[in-house]
Amino acid sequence: MSVFLIIISLFLLAFSALLVWQVLEQRKMIKQMLESEDISDTHQDPELVLTLRVRDPIALAKRESRTGRVLADRLPVMTRKMVYQEVMKELERELDERDIEVDMHIEYR
């Protein structure tokens, strides 16, 4: 039984060594391809984006403004747009007060 385990262990060791060798060869090949194509190895980090979603814009409009109470039931799409525009204005004012430069836009999905 122990001979069988030793043989299996040696087989797994050889297989692991083969996999390590293949990974090293692939890295060499990728490096050579990048050098031959004059592509730099450095990559840019992904851009971080902050997404804000008002959970219940209709309720917010009704709670915060008199016109929101009137328009919310009759024109819900327009009310949502107005709520997002107002939230964006308030955030912009707050961030300007704190000297934080941002690019803000509303994205319709």
N, C-alpha and C. Protein backbone atom coordinates (compact mmCIF):
# COMPACT_ATOMS: atom_id res chain seq x y z
N MET A 1 0.82 -1.19 0.00
CA MET A 1 0.00 0.00 0.00
C MET A 1 0.86 1.25 0.00
N SER A 2 1.93 1.26 0.81
CA SER A 2 2.79 2.44 0.86
C SER A 2 3.54 2.64 -0.46
N VAL A 3 3.87 1.55 -1.16
CA VAL A 3 4.53 1.66 -2.47
C VAL A 3 3.58 2.34 -3.45
N PHE A 4 2.32 1.96 -3.39
CA PHE A 4 1.32 2.57 -4.27
C PHE A 4 1.20 4.07 -4.00
N LEU A 5 1.18 4.47 -2.73
CA LEU A 5 1.09 5.89 -2.37
C LEU A 5 2.34 6.66 -2.81
N ILE A 6 3.50 6.02 -2.71
CA ILE A 6 4.74 6.67 -3.15
C ILE A 6 4.72 6.87 -4.66
N ILE A 7 4.24 5.88 -5.39
CA ILE A 7 4.16 5.99 -6.86
C ILE A 7 3.19 7.10 -7.25
N ILE A 8 2.03 7.15 -6.59
CA ILE A 8 1.05 8.21 -6.87
C ILE A 8 1.64 9.58 -6.54
N SER A 9 2.35 9.68 -5.42
CA SER A 9 2.96 10.95 -5.03
C SER A 9 3.99 11.40 -6.05
N LEU A 10 4.82 10.47 -6.53
CA LEU A 10 5.81 10.81 -7.56
C LEU A 10 5.13 11.23 -8.86
N PHE A 11 4.06 10.55 -9.21
CA PHE A 11 3.32 10.92 -10.42
C PHE A 11 2.75 12.33 -10.28
N LEU A 12 2.15 12.64 -9.12
CA LEU A 12 1.60 13.98 -8.90
C LEU A 12 2.69 15.04 -8.88
N LEU A 13 3.84 14.72 -8.34
CA LEU A 13 4.97 15.65 -8.33
C LEU A 13 5.45 15.93 -9.75
N ALA A 14 5.55 14.89 -10.57
CA ALA A 14 5.96 15.07 -11.96
C ALA A 14 4.92 15.89 -12.73
N PHE A 15 3.66 15.62 -12.50
CA PHE A 15 2.59 16.37 -13.17
C PHE A 15 2.61 17.84 -12.76
N SER A 16 2.84 18.11 -11.47
CA SER A 16 2.93 19.49 -10.98
C SER A 16 4.12 20.21 -11.61
N ALA A 17 5.24 19.51 -11.71
CA ALA A 17 6.42 20.10 -12.34
C ALA A 17 6.15 20.43 -13.80
N LEU A 18 5.44 19.55 -14.49
CA LEU A 18 5.07 19.81 -15.88
C LEU A 18 4.19 21.06 -16.00
N LEU A 19 3.23 21.21 -15.11
CA LEU A 19 2.35 22.38 -15.14
C LEU A 19 3.12 23.66 -14.86
N VAL A 20 4.04 23.63 -13.91
CA VAL A 20 4.86 24.81 -13.61
C VAL A 20 5.71 25.17 -14.82
N TRP A 21 6.29 24.18 -15.46
CA TRP A 21 7.11 24.42 -16.65
C TRP A 21 6.28 25.06 -17.76
N GLN A 22 5.03 24.56 -17.96
CA GLN A 22 4.16 25.14 -18.99
C GLN A 22 3.80 26.59 -18.68
N VAL A 23 3.54 26.90 -17.43
CA VAL A 23 3.23 28.28 -17.06
C VAL A 23 4.42 29.19 -17.34
N LEU A 24 5.62 28.74 -16.99
CA LEU A 24 6.82 29.53 -17.25
C LEU A 24 7.03 29.74 -18.75
N GLU A 25 6.80 28.71 -19.54
CA GLU A 25 6.94 28.84 -20.99
C GLU A 25 5.91 29.80 -21.57
N GLN A 26 4.69 29.75 -21.06
CA GLN A 26 3.67 30.68 -21.54
C GLN A 26 4.03 32.12 -21.20
N ARG A 27 4.56 32.34 -20.02
CA ARG A 27 4.98 33.70 -19.65
C ARG A 27 6.09 34.19 -20.57
N LYS A 28 7.05 33.31 -20.88
CA LYS A 28 8.12 33.70 -21.81
C LYS A 28 7.54 34.05 -23.18
N MET A 29 6.60 33.23 -23.65
CA MET A 29 6.01 33.46 -24.96
C MET A 29 5.23 34.78 -24.99
N ILE A 30 4.49 35.06 -23.94
CA ILE A 30 3.74 36.32 -23.87
C ILE A 30 4.68 37.50 -23.85
N LYS A 31 5.75 37.39 -23.08
CA LYS A 31 6.74 38.47 -23.01
C LYS A 31 7.37 38.71 -24.38
N GLN A 32 7.72 37.65 -25.09
CA GLN A 32 8.30 37.78 -26.42
C GLN A 32 7.31 38.42 -27.39
N MET A 33 6.04 38.03 -27.31
CA MET A 33 5.03 38.61 -28.19
C MET A 33 4.84 40.09 -27.91
N LEU A 34 4.83 40.46 -26.63
CA LEU A 34 4.67 41.87 -26.28
C LEU A 34 5.86 42.69 -26.77
N GLU A 35 7.06 42.13 -26.65
CA GLU A 35 8.25 42.83 -27.12
C GLU A 35 8.26 42.96 -28.64
N SER A 36 7.86 41.92 -29.34
CA SER A 36 7.88 41.98 -30.80
C SER A 36 6.81 42.92 -31.35
N GLU A 37 5.71 43.09 -30.65
CA GLU A 37 4.65 44.00 -31.09
C GLU A 37 4.80 45.39 -30.50
N ASP A 38 5.83 45.63 -29.72
CA ASP A 38 6.07 46.91 -29.05
C ASP A 38 4.88 47.33 -28.18
N ILE A 39 4.33 46.39 -27.48
CA ILE A 39 3.23 46.67 -26.55
C ILE A 39 3.82 46.69 -25.15
N SER A 40 3.52 47.75 -24.42
CA SER A 40 4.06 47.83 -23.07
C SER A 40 3.35 46.83 -22.16
N ASP A 41 4.09 46.34 -21.21
CA ASP A 41 3.56 45.34 -20.28
C ASP A 41 2.68 45.97 -19.22
N THR A 42 2.80 47.28 -19.04
CA THR A 42 2.01 47.95 -18.02
C THR A 42 0.58 48.12 -18.52
N HIS A 43 -0.35 47.90 -17.66
CA HIS A 43 -1.76 48.06 -18.00
C HIS A 43 -2.38 49.09 -17.07
N GLN A 44 -3.38 49.77 -17.56
CA GLN A 44 -4.04 50.78 -16.75
C GLN A 44 -5.03 50.11 -15.81
N ASP A 45 -5.13 50.68 -14.63
CA ASP A 45 -6.12 50.18 -13.69
C ASP A 45 -7.50 50.60 -14.17
N PRO A 46 -8.50 49.83 -13.86
CA PRO A 46 -9.85 50.20 -14.31
C PRO A 46 -10.32 51.49 -13.64
N GLU A 47 -11.14 52.23 -14.36
CA GLU A 47 -11.66 53.48 -13.84
C GLU A 47 -12.80 53.18 -12.87
N LEU A 48 -12.79 53.86 -11.74
CA LEU A 48 -13.84 53.67 -10.75
C LEU A 48 -14.96 54.67 -11.01
N VAL A 49 -16.19 54.20 -10.95
CA VAL A 49 -17.35 55.05 -11.20
C VAL A 49 -18.32 54.87 -10.04
N LEU A 50 -18.82 55.98 -9.55
CA LEU A 50 -19.79 55.96 -8.46
C LEU A 50 -21.18 56.07 -9.07
N THR A 51 -22.06 55.16 -8.72
CA THR A 51 -23.43 55.18 -9.23
C THR A 51 -24.38 55.50 -8.09
N LEU A 52 -25.28 56.42 -8.34
CA LEU A 52 -26.25 56.82 -7.34
C LEU A 52 -27.64 56.55 -7.89
N ARG A 53 -28.48 55.91 -7.11
CA ARG A 53 -29.85 55.63 -7.53
C ARG A 53 -30.78 56.03 -6.41
N VAL A 54 -31.73 56.89 -6.70
CA VAL A 54 -32.73 57.27 -5.72
C VAL A 54 -33.76 56.15 -5.68
N ARG A 55 -33.96 55.56 -4.53
CA ARG A 55 -34.81 54.38 -4.44
C ARG A 55 -36.28 54.66 -4.75
N ASP A 56 -36.80 55.76 -4.25
CA ASP A 56 -38.21 56.09 -4.51
C ASP A 56 -38.32 57.58 -4.84
N PRO A 57 -38.03 57.95 -6.08
CA PRO A 57 -38.04 59.37 -6.43
C PRO A 57 -39.42 60.02 -6.32
N ILE A 58 -40.48 59.26 -6.56
CA ILE A 58 -41.83 59.81 -6.47
C ILE A 58 -42.15 60.20 -5.02
N ALA A 59 -41.84 59.32 -4.08
CA ALA A 59 -42.08 59.62 -2.67
C ALA A 59 -41.22 60.79 -2.22
N LEU A 60 -40.00 60.87 -2.70
CA LEU A 60 -39.13 61.99 -2.36
C LEU A 60 -39.70 63.30 -2.88
N ALA A 61 -40.20 63.29 -4.11
CA ALA A 61 -40.79 64.50 -4.68
C ALA A 61 -42.02 64.93 -3.88
N LYS A 62 -42.84 63.97 -3.51
CA LYS A 62 -44.03 64.30 -2.72
C LYS A 62 -43.66 64.86 -1.36
N ARG A 63 -42.62 64.33 -0.76
CA ARG A 63 -42.22 64.75 0.58
C ARG A 63 -41.53 66.11 0.58
N GLU A 64 -40.74 66.40 -0.46
CA GLU A 64 -39.88 67.58 -0.43
C GLU A 64 -40.46 68.83 -1.09
N SER A 65 -41.44 68.70 -1.99
CA SER A 65 -41.91 69.92 -2.65
C SER A 65 -43.41 69.88 -2.89
N ARG A 66 -43.97 71.06 -2.94
CA ARG A 66 -45.41 71.19 -3.17
C ARG A 66 -45.75 70.81 -4.61
N THR A 67 -44.93 71.25 -5.56
CA THR A 67 -45.18 70.89 -6.96
C THR A 67 -44.98 69.39 -7.18
N GLY A 68 -44.07 68.80 -6.42
CA GLY A 68 -43.86 67.36 -6.51
C GLY A 68 -45.09 66.58 -6.13
N ARG A 69 -45.81 67.06 -5.13
CA ARG A 69 -47.05 66.39 -4.71
C ARG A 69 -48.09 66.41 -5.83
N VAL A 70 -48.12 67.54 -6.55
CA VAL A 70 -49.11 67.69 -7.61
C VAL A 70 -48.71 66.89 -8.85
N LEU A 71 -47.43 66.98 -9.24
CA LEU A 71 -46.97 66.35 -10.48
C LEU A 71 -46.72 64.85 -10.38
N ALA A 72 -46.41 64.36 -9.19
CA ALA A 72 -45.97 62.97 -9.03
C ALA A 72 -46.98 61.97 -9.56
N ASP A 73 -48.24 62.19 -9.30
CA ASP A 73 -49.26 61.23 -9.74
C ASP A 73 -49.62 61.40 -11.21
N ARG A 74 -49.52 62.63 -11.71
CA ARG A 74 -49.93 62.90 -13.09
C ARG A 74 -48.82 62.69 -14.11
N LEU A 75 -47.59 63.07 -13.74
CA LEU A 75 -46.45 62.98 -14.66
C LEU A 75 -45.26 62.30 -13.95
N PRO A 76 -45.34 61.00 -13.72
CA PRO A 76 -44.28 60.33 -12.95
C PRO A 76 -42.91 60.34 -13.63
N VAL A 77 -42.86 60.22 -14.96
CA VAL A 77 -41.57 60.20 -15.65
C VAL A 77 -40.88 61.55 -15.51
N MET A 78 -41.63 62.61 -15.73
CA MET A 78 -41.07 63.95 -15.60
C MET A 78 -40.64 64.22 -14.16
N THR A 79 -41.43 63.74 -13.21
CA THR A 79 -41.10 63.93 -11.80
C THR A 79 -39.79 63.23 -11.46
N ARG A 80 -39.61 62.00 -11.96
CA ARG A 80 -38.35 61.28 -11.71
C ARG A 80 -37.17 62.07 -12.26
N LYS A 81 -37.30 62.57 -13.48
CA LYS A 81 -36.21 63.34 -14.09
C LYS A 81 -35.89 64.58 -13.26
N MET A 82 -36.94 65.27 -12.80
CA MET A 82 -36.73 66.47 -12.01
C MET A 82 -36.06 66.15 -10.68
N VAL A 83 -36.44 65.03 -10.07
CA VAL A 83 -35.82 64.62 -8.80
C VAL A 83 -34.34 64.36 -9.01
N TYR A 84 -33.98 63.63 -10.05
CA TYR A 84 -32.57 63.34 -10.30
C TYR A 84 -31.79 64.61 -10.61
N GLN A 85 -32.39 65.53 -11.37
CA GLN A 85 -31.71 66.79 -11.66
C GLN A 85 -31.47 67.59 -10.39
N GLU A 86 -32.46 67.61 -9.51
CA GLU A 86 -32.31 68.35 -8.26
C GLU A 86 -31.27 67.70 -7.34
N VAL A 87 -31.29 66.38 -7.26
CA VAL A 87 -30.29 65.67 -6.45
C VAL A 87 -28.89 65.96 -7.00
N MET A 88 -28.77 65.96 -8.31
CA MET A 88 -27.47 66.24 -8.93
C MET A 88 -27.01 67.66 -8.61
N LYS A 89 -27.92 68.63 -8.66
CA LYS A 89 -27.56 70.02 -8.32
C LYS A 89 -27.09 70.13 -6.88
N GLU A 90 -27.82 69.48 -5.97
CA GLU A 90 -27.45 69.55 -4.55
C GLU A 90 -26.10 68.88 -4.30
N LEU A 91 -25.87 67.75 -4.93
CA LEU A 91 -24.56 67.08 -4.78
C LEU A 91 -23.44 67.95 -5.33
N GLU A 92 -23.70 68.57 -6.47
CA GLU A 92 -22.69 69.43 -7.08
C GLU A 92 -22.35 70.60 -6.16
N ARG A 93 -23.38 71.22 -5.57
CA ARG A 93 -23.14 72.33 -4.64
C ARG A 93 -22.32 71.87 -3.44
N GLU A 94 -22.70 70.74 -2.87
CA GLU A 94 -21.99 70.23 -1.69
C GLU A 94 -20.53 69.91 -2.01
N LEU A 95 -20.30 69.29 -3.16
CA LEU A 95 -18.93 68.94 -3.53
C LEU A 95 -18.11 70.18 -3.87
N ASP A 96 -18.74 71.19 -4.47
CA ASP A 96 -18.04 72.45 -4.74
C ASP A 96 -17.62 73.13 -3.45
N GLU A 97 -18.48 73.09 -2.44
CA GLU A 97 -18.14 73.68 -1.15
C GLU A 97 -16.92 73.01 -0.53
N ARG A 98 -16.76 71.74 -0.80
CA ARG A 98 -15.63 70.99 -0.23
C ARG A 98 -14.44 70.94 -1.18
N ASP A 99 -14.49 71.67 -2.29
CA ASP A 99 -13.42 71.72 -3.29
C ASP A 99 -13.08 70.35 -3.85
N ILE A 100 -14.11 69.60 -4.17
CA ILE A 100 -13.93 68.29 -4.80
C ILE A 100 -14.38 68.40 -6.24
N GLU A 101 -13.45 68.17 -7.17
CA GLU A 101 -13.77 68.27 -8.59
C GLU A 101 -14.37 66.95 -9.07
N VAL A 102 -15.54 67.04 -9.69
CA VAL A 102 -16.21 65.85 -10.20
C VAL A 102 -16.82 66.13 -11.57
N ASP A 103 -17.02 65.07 -12.32
CA ASP A 103 -17.78 65.12 -13.57
C ASP A 103 -19.08 64.37 -13.29
N MET A 104 -20.19 65.07 -13.38
CA MET A 104 -21.47 64.42 -13.12
C MET A 104 -22.36 64.51 -14.35
N HIS A 105 -23.06 63.43 -14.61
CA HIS A 105 -24.06 63.42 -15.67
C HIS A 105 -25.13 62.39 -15.32
N ILE A 106 -26.28 62.57 -15.88
CA ILE A 106 -27.38 61.64 -15.66
C ILE A 106 -27.40 60.66 -16.81
N GLU A 107 -27.48 59.39 -16.47
CA GLU A 107 -27.47 58.33 -17.47
C GLU A 107 -28.84 57.65 -17.47
N TYR A 108 -29.47 57.61 -18.61
CA TYR A 108 -30.78 56.96 -18.72
C TYR A 108 -30.57 55.53 -19.19
N ARG A 109 -31.11 54.57 -18.45
CA ARG A 109 -30.95 53.16 -18.81
C ARG A 109 -32.29 52.52 -19.04
